[in-house]
Amino acid sequence: MKILLFGRDGQVGWELQRTLAPLGMVEALDLPDLDLANAQALEKKILVSRPNVIVNAAAYTAVDRAEEDRALAFAVNAKAPGVMAEAARRVGAGLIHFSTDFVFDGSADRPYTEADPPRPLNQYGLSKLAGEEEVLRAWEACLVLRTSWVYSLRGDSFVCKVLAWSRKNLTLRIVADQTGSPSWARMLAEVVTILLGRCGSDPAGYLREVGGLYHLAGAGKVSRFAWAQAILDLDPHPERRVARMLEPASSDEFPTPAVRPVFSALDCARFTTTFGLQLPAWEQSLALAMQERQE
């Protein structure tokens, strides 16, 4: 199997580059290899490479900056996925594309299903929703996977931020009025790899049969405040902490250019029913992730 992976250096892409390797040849790209805002270069790359499957883990994820940098956000999050899907159709490749819980407005009182109408609150969410629509319109052999609160043990994920803050501040104030489904990037990558392992010699044929929109996130839901408390409880190096208190705060105390949904937990029953797979409870995944934490 020949796999073309976009977003190599992102949280999910970094994991995918490793988990996908046993399936065949993986060509993993990120800036500066290819600028997804350059639609012609993107299309040419796919047509020349002629992969069996494309996995798009790349995105413009600067949520606040997207409020002013709308053109670039839509070029990367909306137009580029559409170009990928159309080029995939032309070369007979399957496509797996990651999307986000930010397509919802947060007004629900239970986890969102795929049937719930999306109502993005910010430009990032609007651009990601447009990308979903472009992909699903262009080609049947595509999976769009919405996920929530993705984290890893690299970079500036929320887990890493909480641990870093706890080494510098006596008191941590964390918003308590935002709820989501934390999703470990490693688990997302492993599930996608299992799916592609089922494709055999015809990934597009398999993905055509099961294609569409699915939610895939850590099981359960939690407030950002309670998630931070769980991170500190699992801190592998508590002796390095200076933080002595964790205090709840409201989103209004931390104004941002982009409005966030206060509730964005995802119901993943459709994915589990279709594929017989699910991400573990967010607590279990976090515990496993923290066992690997190295500082």
Foldseek 3Di string as FASTA:
>chain_A
DEEEEEPCPDQLNVLLVPLQVVVDHYDYDYPPVDDLLPLVVLLVVCLVSLGQEYEYPDADDPFQVCQVVLSSRLSGQAVSLLSVLQSCVVSQHAYEYEAELQQAQQPDPDADFPPDHGDHQGSNSVSNVNNQVSNVVRALLYEYEYEYQEDALDDDRPLVVLVVVQLPDQEAEEAFQAKAFYAYSNLVSNVVSVVCVVQPPRSSVSSNVVHDYFYAGAPDMHGRQVVSVLSQVLAPCVVSGNHDYYHYDHVVVPDGNTDGRRYRYHDGVVVCVVPVDGHYHSSVVSNVRNVPNDD
